[in-house]
Amino acid sequence: MFSLDSRSREPIYVQLEKEIVKFINLGVYEADSPLPSVRA
């Protein structure tokens, strides 16, 4: 679901943050909806 680029100079955790924010903005994740666990 999330698109991360291991070759990017941008750290993976920053890419992940941006992807999560993008999906919140798109309405994929709404208020109070759960995100996957860290391990999952």
PDB file of all heavy atoms in Angstrom:
ATOM      1  N   MET A   1       0.819  -1.193   0.000  1.00  0.00           N
ATOM      2  CA  MET A   1       0.000   0.000   0.000  1.00  0.00           C
ATOM      3  C   MET A   1       0.863   1.257   0.000  1.00  0.00           C
ATOM      4  O   MET A   1       0.646   2.153  -0.786  1.00  0.00           O
ATOM      5  CB  MET A   1      -0.914  -0.025   1.224  1.00  0.00           C
ATOM      6  CG  MET A   1      -1.866   1.106   1.287  1.00  0.00           C
ATOM      7  SD  MET A   1      -3.204   0.679   2.381  1.00  0.00           S
ATOM      8  CE  MET A   1      -3.505   2.204   3.140  1.00  0.00           C
ATOM      9  N   PHE A   2       1.842   1.312   0.892  1.00  0.00           N
ATOM     10  CA  PHE A   2       2.724   2.474   0.947  1.00  0.00           C
ATOM     11  C   PHE A   2       3.831   2.292  -0.080  1.00  0.00           C
ATOM     12  O   PHE A   2       4.342   1.207  -0.273  1.00  0.00           O
ATOM     13  CB  PHE A   2       3.335   2.640   2.338  1.00  0.00           C
ATOM     14  CG  PHE A   2       2.326   2.920   3.408  1.00  0.00           C
ATOM     15  CD1 PHE A   2       2.095   1.994   4.402  1.00  0.00           C
ATOM     16  CD2 PHE A   2       1.609   4.100   3.424  1.00  0.00           C
ATOM     17  CE1 PHE A   2       1.169   2.246   5.396  1.00  0.00           C
ATOM     18  CE2 PHE A   2       0.677   4.366   4.411  1.00  0.00           C
ATOM     19  CZ  PHE A   2       0.449   3.429   5.402  1.00  0.00           C
ATOM     20  N   SER A   3       4.215   3.407  -0.715  1.00  0.00           N
ATOM     21  CA  SER A   3       5.248   3.370  -1.738  1.00  0.00           C
ATOM     22  C   SER A   3       6.527   3.999  -1.186  1.00  0.00           C
ATOM     23  O   SER A   3       6.580   5.211  -0.978  1.00  0.00           O
ATOM     24  CB  SER A   3       4.763   4.134  -2.972  1.00  0.00           C
ATOM     25  OG  SER A   3       5.776   4.186  -3.929  1.00  0.00           O
ATOM     26  N   LEU A   4       7.530   3.161  -0.954  1.00  0.00           N
ATOM     27  CA  LEU A   4       8.810   3.636  -0.428  1.00  0.00           C
ATOM     28  C   LEU A   4       9.905   3.333  -1.437  1.00  0.00           C
ATOM     29  O   LEU A   4       9.890   2.305  -2.100  1.00  0.00           O
ATOM     30  CB  LEU A   4       9.131   2.959   0.903  1.00  0.00           C
ATOM     31  CG  LEU A   4       8.077   3.087   2.004  1.00  0.00           C
ATOM     32  CD1 LEU A   4       8.490   2.308   3.244  1.00  0.00           C
ATOM     33  CD2 LEU A   4       7.828   4.537   2.351  1.00  0.00           C
ATOM     34  N   ASP A   5      10.875   4.242  -1.543  1.00  0.00           N
ATOM     35  CA  ASP A   5      11.971   4.094  -2.494  1.00  0.00           C
ATOM     36  C   ASP A   5      13.278   3.942  -1.721  1.00  0.00           C
ATOM     37  O   ASP A   5      13.784   4.911  -1.167  1.00  0.00           O
ATOM     38  CB  ASP A   5      12.028   5.305  -3.415  1.00  0.00           C
ATOM     39  CG  ASP A   5      13.119   5.218  -4.462  1.00  0.00           C
ATOM     40  OD1 ASP A   5      13.803   4.163  -4.543  1.00  0.00           O
ATOM     41  OD2 ASP A   5      13.290   6.197  -5.201  1.00  0.00           O
ATOM     42  N   SER A   6      13.814   2.737  -1.708  1.00  0.00           N
ATOM     43  CA  SER A   6      15.046   2.470  -0.950  1.00  0.00           C
ATOM     44  C   SER A   6      16.260   3.160  -1.564  1.00  0.00           C
ATOM     45  O   SER A   6      17.282   3.319  -0.906  1.00  0.00           O
ATOM     46  CB  SER A   6      15.294   0.969  -0.850  1.00  0.00           C
ATOM     47  OG  SER A   6      15.438   0.408  -2.136  1.00  0.00           O
ATOM     48  N   ARG A   7      16.149   3.605  -2.820  1.00  0.00           N
ATOM     49  CA  ARG A   7      17.268   4.286  -3.477  1.00  0.00           C
ATOM     50  C   ARG A   7      17.236   5.800  -3.260  1.00  0.00           C
ATOM     51  O   ARG A   7      18.174   6.503  -3.638  1.00  0.00           O
ATOM     52  CB  ARG A   7      17.261   3.975  -4.971  1.00  0.00           C
ATOM     53  CG  ARG A   7      17.516   2.510  -5.277  1.00  0.00           C
ATOM     54  CD  ARG A   7      17.489   2.280  -6.762  1.00  0.00           C
ATOM     55  NE  ARG A   7      16.268   2.821  -7.353  1.00  0.00           N
ATOM     56  CZ  ARG A   7      15.305   2.108  -7.898  1.00  0.00           C
ATOM     57  NH1 ARG A   7      15.412   0.814  -7.943  1.00  0.00           N
ATOM     58  NH2 ARG A   7      14.239   2.686  -8.397  1.00  0.00           N
ATOM     59  N   SER A   8      16.166   6.286  -2.676  1.00  0.00           N
ATOM     60  CA  SER A   8      16.031   7.726  -2.455  1.00  0.00           C
ATOM     61  C   SER A   8      17.016   8.197  -1.386  1.00  0.00           C
ATOM     62  O   SER A   8      17.373   7.451  -0.475  1.00  0.00           O
ATOM     63  CB  SER A   8      14.604   8.043  -1.998  1.00  0.00           C
ATOM     64  OG  SER A   8      14.486   9.392  -1.610  1.00  0.00           O
ATOM     65  N   ARG A   9      17.414   9.456  -1.502  1.00  0.00           N
ATOM     66  CA  ARG A   9      18.276  10.045  -0.474  1.00  0.00           C
ATOM     67  C   ARG A   9      17.462  10.410   0.767  1.00  0.00           C
ATOM     68  O   ARG A   9      18.026  10.667   1.816  1.00  0.00           O
ATOM     69  CB  ARG A   9      18.995  11.278  -1.020  1.00  0.00           C
ATOM     70  CG  ARG A   9      19.987  10.919  -2.102  1.00  0.00           C
ATOM     71  CD  ARG A   9      20.869  12.038  -2.560  1.00  0.00           C
ATOM     72  NE  ARG A   9      20.264  13.358  -2.545  1.00  0.00           N
ATOM     73  CZ  ARG A   9      20.930  14.471  -2.318  1.00  0.00           C
ATOM     74  NH1 ARG A   9      22.227  14.418  -2.102  1.00  0.00           N
ATOM     75  NH2 ARG A   9      20.325  15.633  -2.329  1.00  0.00           N
ATOM     76  N   GLU A  10      16.149  10.431   0.619  1.00  0.00           N
ATOM     77  CA  GLU A  10      15.274  10.754   1.738  1.00  0.00           C
ATOM     78  C   GLU A  10      15.138   9.511   2.628  1.00  0.00           C
ATOM     79  O   GLU A  10      14.882   8.414   2.125  1.00  0.00           O
ATOM     80  CB  GLU A  10      13.908  11.171   1.202  1.00  0.00           C
ATOM     81  CG  GLU A  10      12.960  11.661   2.252  1.00  0.00           C
ATOM     82  CD  GLU A  10      11.709  12.257   1.624  1.00  0.00           C
ATOM     83  OE1 GLU A  10      11.080  11.588   0.803  1.00  0.00           O
ATOM     84  OE2 GLU A  10      11.394  13.400   1.968  1.00  0.00           O
ATOM     85  N   PRO A  11      15.309   9.668   3.941  1.00  0.00           N
ATOM     86  CA  PRO A  11      15.214   8.508   4.832  1.00  0.00           C
ATOM     87  C   PRO A  11      13.857   7.799   4.721  1.00  0.00           C
ATOM     88  O   PRO A  11      12.830   8.437   4.460  1.00  0.00           O
ATOM     89  CB  PRO A  11      15.372   9.120   6.228  1.00  0.00           C
ATOM     90  CG  PRO A  11      16.038  10.433   6.011  1.00  0.00           C
ATOM     91  CD  PRO A  11      15.603  10.905   4.656  1.00  0.00           C
ATOM     92  N   ILE A  12      13.873   6.499   4.906  1.00  0.00           N
ATOM     93  CA  ILE A  12      12.668   5.684   4.796  1.00  0.00           C
ATOM     94  C   ILE A  12      11.597   6.159   5.769  1.00  0.00           C
ATOM     95  O   ILE A  12      10.421   6.235   5.417  1.00  0.00           O
ATOM     96  CB  ILE A  12      12.990   4.191   5.026  1.00  0.00           C
ATOM     97  CG1 ILE A  12      13.926   3.658   3.928  1.00  0.00           C
ATOM     98  CG2 ILE A  12      11.713   3.352   5.097  1.00  0.00           C
ATOM     99  CD1 ILE A  12      13.323   3.619   2.549  1.00  0.00           C
ATOM    100  N   TYR A  13      11.978   6.520   6.999  1.00  0.00           N
ATOM    101  CA  TYR A  13      10.968   6.922   7.973  1.00  0.00           C
ATOM    102  C   TYR A  13      10.264   8.212   7.537  1.00  0.00           C
ATOM    103  O   TYR A  13       9.058   8.376   7.764  1.00  0.00           O
ATOM    104  CB  TYR A  13      11.558   7.063   9.383  1.00  0.00           C
ATOM    105  CG  TYR A  13      12.388   8.294   9.636  1.00  0.00           C
ATOM    106  CD1 TYR A  13      11.810   9.454  10.142  1.00  0.00           C
ATOM    107  CD2 TYR A  13      13.759   8.302   9.367  1.00  0.00           C
ATOM    108  CE1 TYR A  13      12.568  10.590  10.382  1.00  0.00           C
ATOM    109  CE2 TYR A  13      14.525   9.427   9.593  1.00  0.00           C
ATOM    110  CZ  TYR A  13      13.927  10.570  10.104  1.00  0.00           C
ATOM    111  OH  TYR A  13      14.674  11.700  10.336  1.00  0.00           O
ATOM    112  N   VAL A  14      10.988   9.113   6.856  1.00  0.00           N
ATOM    113  CA  VAL A  14      10.374  10.350   6.358  1.00  0.00           C
ATOM    114  C   VAL A  14       9.421  10.013   5.205  1.00  0.00           C
ATOM    115  O   VAL A  14       8.314  10.556   5.126  1.00  0.00           O
ATOM    116  CB  VAL A  14      11.447  11.365   5.911  1.00  0.00           C
ATOM    117  CG1 VAL A  14      10.824  12.572   5.229  1.00  0.00           C
ATOM    118  CG2 VAL A  14      12.296  11.798   7.094  1.00  0.00           C
ATOM    119  N   GLN A  15       9.844   9.125   4.319  1.00  0.00           N
ATOM    120  CA  GLN A  15       8.970   8.695   3.229  1.00  0.00           C
ATOM    121  C   GLN A  15       7.687   8.084   3.789  1.00  0.00           C
ATOM    122  O   GLN A  15       6.584   8.358   3.287  1.00  0.00           O
ATOM    123  CB  GLN A  15       9.673   7.669   2.343  1.00  0.00           C
ATOM    124  CG  GLN A  15      10.836   8.203   1.550  1.00  0.00           C
ATOM    125  CD  GLN A  15      11.470   7.117   0.709  1.00  0.00           C
ATOM    126  OE1 GLN A  15      10.783   6.383  -0.004  1.00  0.00           O
ATOM    127  NE2 GLN A  15      12.789   7.007   0.786  1.00  0.00           N
ATOM    128  N   LEU A  16       7.825   7.256   4.829  1.00  0.00           N
ATOM    129  CA  LEU A  16       6.667   6.615   5.441  1.00  0.00           C
ATOM    130  C   LEU A  16       5.738   7.653   6.062  1.00  0.00           C
ATOM    131  O   LEU A  16       4.512   7.575   5.901  1.00  0.00           O
ATOM    132  CB  LEU A  16       7.116   5.587   6.482  1.00  0.00           C
ATOM    133  CG  LEU A  16       6.007   4.804   7.168  1.00  0.00           C
ATOM    134  CD1 LEU A  16       5.129   4.067   6.151  1.00  0.00           C
ATOM    135  CD2 LEU A  16       6.610   3.817   8.165  1.00  0.00           C
ATOM    136  N   GLU A  17       6.306   8.633   6.747  1.00  0.00           N
ATOM    137  CA  GLU A  17       5.487   9.708   7.328  1.00  0.00           C
ATOM    138  C   GLU A  17       4.676  10.400   6.234  1.00  0.00           C
ATOM    139  O   GLU A  17       3.472  10.635   6.393  1.00  0.00           O
ATOM    140  CB  GLU A  17       6.375  10.750   8.015  1.00  0.00           C
ATOM    141  CG  GLU A  17       7.018  10.292   9.286  1.00  0.00           C
ATOM    142  CD  GLU A  17       8.013  11.311   9.830  1.00  0.00           C
ATOM    143  OE1 GLU A  17       7.797  12.531   9.643  1.00  0.00           O
ATOM    144  OE2 GLU A  17       9.008  10.889  10.435  1.00  0.00           O
ATOM    145  N   LYS A  18       5.318  10.727   5.137  1.00  0.00           N
ATOM    146  CA  LYS A  18       4.645  11.411   4.035  1.00  0.00           C
ATOM    147  C   LYS A  18       3.540  10.547   3.434  1.00  0.00           C
ATOM    148  O   LYS A  18       2.474  11.050   3.075  1.00  0.00           O
ATOM    149  CB  LYS A  18       5.656  11.808   2.958  1.00  0.00           C
ATOM    150  CG  LYS A  18       6.574  12.930   3.379  1.00  0.00           C
ATOM    151  CD  LYS A  18       7.567  13.258   2.294  1.00  0.00           C
ATOM    152  CE  LYS A  18       8.499  14.371   2.706  1.00  0.00           C
ATOM    153  NZ  LYS A  18       9.477  14.688   1.650  1.00  0.00           N
ATOM    154  N   GLU A  19       3.801   9.271   3.306  1.00  0.00           N
ATOM    155  CA  GLU A  19       2.799   8.362   2.755  1.00  0.00           C
ATOM    156  C   GLU A  19       1.577   8.279   3.672  1.00  0.00           C
ATOM    157  O   GLU A  19       0.437   8.298   3.200  1.00  0.00           O
ATOM    158  CB  GLU A  19       3.396   6.961   2.550  1.00  0.00           C
ATOM    159  CG  GLU A  19       4.341   6.874   1.388  1.00  0.00           C
ATOM    160  CD  GLU A  19       3.640   6.984   0.048  1.00  0.00           C
ATOM    161  OE1 GLU A  19       2.832   6.101  -0.292  1.00  0.00           O
ATOM    162  OE2 GLU A  19       3.894   7.978  -0.667  1.00  0.00           O
ATOM    163  N   ILE A  20       1.803   8.204   4.963  1.00  0.00           N
ATOM    164  CA  ILE A  20       0.688   8.140   5.914  1.00  0.00           C
ATOM    165  C   ILE A  20      -0.136   9.418   5.847  1.00  0.00           C
ATOM    166  O   ILE A  20      -1.369   9.366   5.779  1.00  0.00           O
ATOM    167  CB  ILE A  20       1.203   7.866   7.346  1.00  0.00           C
ATOM    168  CG1 ILE A  20       1.767   6.443   7.425  1.00  0.00           C
ATOM    169  CG2 ILE A  20       0.093   8.073   8.376  1.00  0.00           C
ATOM    170  CD1 ILE A  20       2.522   6.131   8.705  1.00  0.00           C
ATOM    171  N   VAL A  21       0.533  10.571   5.822  1.00  0.00           N
ATOM    172  CA  VAL A  21      -0.173  11.856   5.723  1.00  0.00           C
ATOM    173  C   VAL A  21      -0.957  11.922   4.417  1.00  0.00           C
ATOM    174  O   VAL A  21      -2.103  12.376   4.389  1.00  0.00           O
ATOM    175  CB  VAL A  21       0.815  13.038   5.855  1.00  0.00           C
ATOM    176  CG1 VAL A  21       0.154  14.349   5.471  1.00  0.00           C
ATOM    177  CG2 VAL A  21       1.362  13.109   7.273  1.00  0.00           C
ATOM    178  N   LYS A  22      -0.361  11.427   3.335  1.00  0.00           N
ATOM    179  CA  LYS A  22      -1.045  11.429   2.039  1.00  0.00           C
ATOM    180  C   LYS A  22      -2.338  10.614   2.119  1.00  0.00           C
ATOM    181  O   LYS A  22      -3.393  11.063   1.668  1.00  0.00           O
ATOM    182  CB  LYS A  22      -0.131  10.868   0.954  1.00  0.00           C
ATOM    183  CG  LYS A  22      -0.787  10.779  -0.429  1.00  0.00           C
ATOM    184  CD  LYS A  22       0.182  10.318  -1.498  1.00  0.00           C
ATOM    185  CE  LYS A  22       0.267   8.811  -1.486  1.00  0.00           C
ATOM    186  NZ  LYS A  22       1.094   8.274  -2.584  1.00  0.00           N
ATOM    187  N   PHE A  23      -2.263   9.439   2.722  1.00  0.00           N
ATOM    188  CA  PHE A  23      -3.447   8.586   2.812  1.00  0.00           C
ATOM    189  C   PHE A  23      -4.503   9.178   3.752  1.00  0.00           C
ATOM    190  O   PHE A  23      -5.694   8.973   3.535  1.00  0.00           O
ATOM    191  CB  PHE A  23      -3.069   7.168   3.221  1.00  0.00           C
ATOM    192  CG  PHE A  23      -2.493   6.366   2.084  1.00  0.00           C
ATOM    193  CD1 PHE A  23      -1.182   5.943   2.106  1.00  0.00           C
ATOM    194  CD2 PHE A  23      -3.269   6.044   0.976  1.00  0.00           C
ATOM    195  CE1 PHE A  23      -0.645   5.213   1.051  1.00  0.00           C
ATOM    196  CE2 PHE A  23      -2.747   5.319  -0.080  1.00  0.00           C
ATOM    197  CZ  PHE A  23      -1.439   4.893  -0.044  1.00  0.00           C
ATOM    198  N   ILE A  24      -4.067   9.913   4.752  1.00  0.00           N
ATOM    199  CA  ILE A  24      -5.032  10.610   5.612  1.00  0.00           C
ATOM    200  C   ILE A  24      -5.730  11.691   4.795  1.00  0.00           C
ATOM    201  O   ILE A  24      -6.958  11.829   4.835  1.00  0.00           O
ATOM    202  CB  ILE A  24      -4.345  11.204   6.862  1.00  0.00           C
ATOM    203  CG1 ILE A  24      -3.865  10.084   7.779  1.00  0.00           C
ATOM    204  CG2 ILE A  24      -5.292  12.145   7.604  1.00  0.00           C
ATOM    205  CD1 ILE A  24      -2.960  10.542   8.918  1.00  0.00           C
ATOM    206  N   ASN A  25      -4.966  12.467   4.034  1.00  0.00           N
ATOM    207  CA  ASN A  25      -5.540  13.529   3.191  1.00  0.00           C
ATOM    208  C   ASN A  25      -6.494  12.978   2.146  1.00  0.00           C
ATOM    209  O   ASN A  25      -7.481  13.623   1.791  1.00  0.00           O
ATOM    210  CB  ASN A  25      -4.445  14.340   2.508  1.00  0.00           C
ATOM    211  CG  ASN A  25      -3.788  15.331   3.425  1.00  0.00           C
ATOM    212  OD1 ASN A  25      -4.402  15.827   4.357  1.00  0.00           O
ATOM    213  ND2 ASN A  25      -2.528  15.612   3.176  1.00  0.00           N
ATOM    214  N   LEU A  26      -6.189  11.801   1.622  1.00  0.00           N
ATOM    215  CA  LEU A  26      -7.040  11.184   0.603  1.00  0.00           C
ATOM    216  C   LEU A  26      -8.280  10.526   1.199  1.00  0.00           C
ATOM    217  O   LEU A  26      -9.153  10.068   0.465  1.00  0.00           O
ATOM    218  CB  LEU A  26      -6.242  10.154  -0.203  1.00  0.00           C
ATOM    219  CG  LEU A  26      -5.126  10.702  -1.094  1.00  0.00           C
ATOM    220  CD1 LEU A  26      -4.308   9.559  -1.692  1.00  0.00           C
ATOM    221  CD2 LEU A  26      -5.712  11.578  -2.195  1.00  0.00           C
ATOM    222  N   GLY A  27      -8.336  10.436   2.523  1.00  0.00           N
ATOM    223  CA  GLY A  27      -9.497   9.834   3.173  1.00  0.00           C
ATOM    224  C   GLY A  27      -9.412   8.328   3.334  1.00  0.00           C
ATOM    225  O   GLY A  27     -10.369   7.693   3.758  1.00  0.00           O
ATOM    226  N   VAL A  28      -8.255   7.741   2.999  1.00  0.00           N
ATOM    227  CA  VAL A  28      -8.081   6.305   3.194  1.00  0.00           C
ATOM    228  C   VAL A  28      -8.116   5.988   4.685  1.00  0.00           C
ATOM    229  O   VAL A  28      -8.724   4.999   5.107  1.00  0.00           O
ATOM    230  CB  VAL A  28      -6.755   5.819   2.557  1.00  0.00           C
ATOM    231  CG1 VAL A  28      -6.490   4.358   2.877  1.00  0.00           C
ATOM    232  CG2 VAL A  28      -6.775   6.055   1.055  1.00  0.00           C
ATOM    233  N   TYR A  29      -7.463   6.830   5.468  1.00  0.00           N
ATOM    234  CA  TYR A  29      -7.499   6.724   6.930  1.00  0.00           C
ATOM    235  C   TYR A  29      -8.279   7.913   7.463  1.00  0.00           C
ATOM    236  O   TYR A  29      -7.902   9.054   7.237  1.00  0.00           O
ATOM    237  CB  TYR A  29      -6.088   6.737   7.524  1.00  0.00           C
ATOM    238  CG  TYR A  29      -5.278   5.501   7.233  1.00  0.00           C
ATOM    239  CD1 TYR A  29      -4.130   5.570   6.467  1.00  0.00           C
ATOM    240  CD2 TYR A  29      -5.662   4.265   7.723  1.00  0.00           C
ATOM    241  CE1 TYR A  29      -3.381   4.439   6.198  1.00  0.00           C
ATOM    242  CE2 TYR A  29      -4.926   3.129   7.458  1.00  0.00           C
ATOM    243  CZ  TYR A  29      -3.782   3.220   6.700  1.00  0.00           C
ATOM    244  OH  TYR A  29      -3.046   2.106   6.441  1.00  0.00           O
ATOM    245  N   GLU A  30      -9.369   7.629   8.143  1.00  0.00           N
ATOM    246  CA  GLU A  30     -10.184   8.690   8.728  1.00  0.00           C
ATOM    247  C   GLU A  30      -9.852   8.826  10.207  1.00  0.00           C
ATOM    248  O   GLU A  30      -9.143   7.989  10.776  1.00  0.00           O
ATOM    249  CB  GLU A  30     -11.661   8.365   8.527  1.00  0.00           C
ATOM    250  CG  GLU A  30     -12.058   8.326   7.057  1.00  0.00           C
ATOM    251  CD  GLU A  30     -13.505   7.944   6.854  1.00  0.00           C
ATOM    252  OE1 GLU A  30     -14.171   7.530   7.831  1.00  0.00           O
ATOM    253  OE2 GLU A  30     -13.973   8.065   5.718  1.00  0.00           O
ATOM    254  N   ALA A  31     -10.399   9.861  10.839  1.00  0.00           N
ATOM    255  CA  ALA A  31     -10.177  10.083  12.272  1.00  0.00           C
ATOM    256  C   ALA A  31     -10.563   8.835  13.062  1.00  0.00           C
ATOM    257  O   ALA A  31     -11.587   8.206  12.799  1.00  0.00           O
ATOM    258  CB  ALA A  31     -10.995  11.276  12.751  1.00  0.00           C
ATOM    259  N   ASP A  32      -9.699   8.484  13.986  1.00  0.00           N
ATOM    260  CA  ASP A  32      -9.861   7.331  14.887  1.00  0.00           C
ATOM    261  C   ASP A  32      -9.746   5.974  14.203  1.00  0.00           C
ATOM    262  O   ASP A  32      -9.985   4.952  14.828  1.00  0.00           O
ATOM    263  CB  ASP A  32     -11.178   7.413  15.675  1.00  0.00           C
ATOM    264  CG  ASP A  32     -11.195   8.597  16.626  1.00  0.00           C
ATOM    265  OD1 ASP A  32     -10.144   8.886  17.232  1.00  0.00           O
ATOM    266  OD2 ASP A  32     -12.254   9.238  16.763  1.00  0.00           O
ATOM    267  N   SER A  33      -9.389   5.939  12.922  1.00  0.00           N
ATOM    268  CA  SER A  33      -9.182   4.643  12.284  1.00  0.00           C
ATOM    269  C   SER A  33      -7.791   4.128  12.654  1.00  0.00           C
ATOM    270  O   SER A  33      -6.846   4.906  12.805  1.00  0.00           O
ATOM    271  CB  SER A  33      -9.365   4.723  10.769  1.00  0.00           C
ATOM    272  OG  SER A  33      -8.394   5.539  10.181  1.00  0.00           O
ATOM    273  N   PRO A  34      -7.674   2.827  12.819  1.00  0.00           N
ATOM    274  CA  PRO A  34      -6.378   2.264  13.237  1.00  0.00           C
ATOM    275  C   PRO A  34      -5.378   2.197  12.092  1.00  0.00           C
ATOM    276  O   PRO A  34      -5.739   1.988  10.938  1.00  0.00           O
ATOM    277  CB  PRO A  34      -6.749   0.858  13.709  1.00  0.00           C
ATOM    278  CG  PRO A  34      -7.962   0.506  12.911  1.00  0.00           C
ATOM    279  CD  PRO A  34      -8.707   1.803  12.704  1.00  0.00           C
ATOM    280  N   LEU A  35      -4.125   2.387  12.441  1.00  0.00           N
ATOM    281  CA  LEU A  35      -3.018   2.158  11.516  1.00  0.00           C
ATOM    282  C   LEU A  35      -2.459   0.772  11.823  1.00  0.00           C
ATOM    283  O   LEU A  35      -2.659   0.250  12.925  1.00  0.00           O
ATOM    284  CB  LEU A  35      -1.938   3.217  11.708  1.00  0.00           C
ATOM    285  CG  LEU A  35      -2.298   4.640  11.301  1.00  0.00           C
ATOM    286  CD1 LEU A  35      -1.194   5.610  11.701  1.00  0.00           C
ATOM    287  CD2 LEU A  35      -2.542   4.727   9.812  1.00  0.00           C
ATOM    288  N   PRO A  36      -1.735   0.190  10.881  1.00  0.00           N
ATOM    289  CA  PRO A  36      -1.130  -1.117  11.161  1.00  0.00           C
ATOM    290  C   PRO A  36      -0.161  -1.022  12.340  1.00  0.00           C
ATOM    291  O   PRO A  36       0.450   0.028  12.574  1.00  0.00           O
ATOM    292  CB  PRO A  36      -0.371  -1.447   9.877  1.00  0.00           C
ATOM    293  CG  PRO A  36      -0.957  -0.572   8.831  1.00  0.00           C
ATOM    294  CD  PRO A  36      -1.458   0.650   9.529  1.00  0.00           C
ATOM    295  N   SER A  37      -0.015  -2.117  13.063  1.00  0.00           N
ATOM    296  CA  SER A  37       0.948  -2.133  14.165  1.00  0.00           C
ATOM    297  C   SER A  37       2.349  -1.957  13.606  1.00  0.00           C
ATOM    298  O   SER A  37       2.603  -2.185  12.422  1.00  0.00           O
ATOM    299  CB  SER A  37       0.856  -3.454  14.924  1.00  0.00           C
ATOM    300  OG  SER A  37       1.375  -4.512  14.130  1.00  0.00           O
ATOM    301  N   VAL A  38       3.259  -1.540  14.466  1.00  0.00           N
ATOM    302  CA  VAL A  38       4.650  -1.338  14.056  1.00  0.00           C
ATOM    303  C   VAL A  38       5.200  -2.621  13.439  1.00  0.00           C
ATOM    304  O   VAL A  38       5.777  -2.611  12.346  1.00  0.00           O
ATOM    305  CB  VAL A  38       5.516  -0.884  15.259  1.00  0.00           C
ATOM    306  CG1 VAL A  38       6.997  -0.948  14.924  1.00  0.00           C
ATOM    307  CG2 VAL A  38       5.116   0.508  15.704  1.00  0.00           C
ATOM    308  N   ARG A  39       4.996  -3.712  14.118  1.00  0.00           N
ATOM    309  CA  ARG A  39       5.547  -4.991  13.653  1.00  0.00           C
ATOM    310  C   ARG A  39       4.919  -5.416  12.324  1.00  0.00           C
ATOM    311  O   ARG A  39       5.610  -5.843  11.403  1.00  0.00           O
ATOM    312  CB  ARG A  39       5.329  -6.069  14.710  1.00  0.00           C
ATOM    313  CG  ARG A  39       6.064  -7.359  14.409  1.00  0.00           C
ATOM    314  CD  ARG A  39       6.008  -8.325  15.559  1.00  0.00           C
ATOM    315  NE  ARG A  39       6.586  -7.690  16.738  1.00  0.00           N
ATOM    316  CZ  ARG A  39       6.298  -8.033  17.981  1.00  0.00           C
ATOM    317  NH1 ARG A  39       5.450  -8.994  18.223  1.00  0.00           N
ATOM    318  NH2 ARG A  39       6.863  -7.428  18.997  1.00  0.00           N
ATOM    319  N   ALA A  40       3.587  -5.283  12.214  1.00  0.00           N
ATOM    320  CA  ALA A  40       2.898  -5.690  10.986  1.00  0.00           C
ATOM    321  C   ALA A  40       3.344  -4.841   9.800  1.00  0.00           C
ATOM    322  O   ALA A  40       3.596  -5.370   8.711  1.00  0.00           O
ATOM    323  CB  ALA A  40       1.390  -5.595  11.172  1.00  0.00           C
TER     324      ALA A  40
END
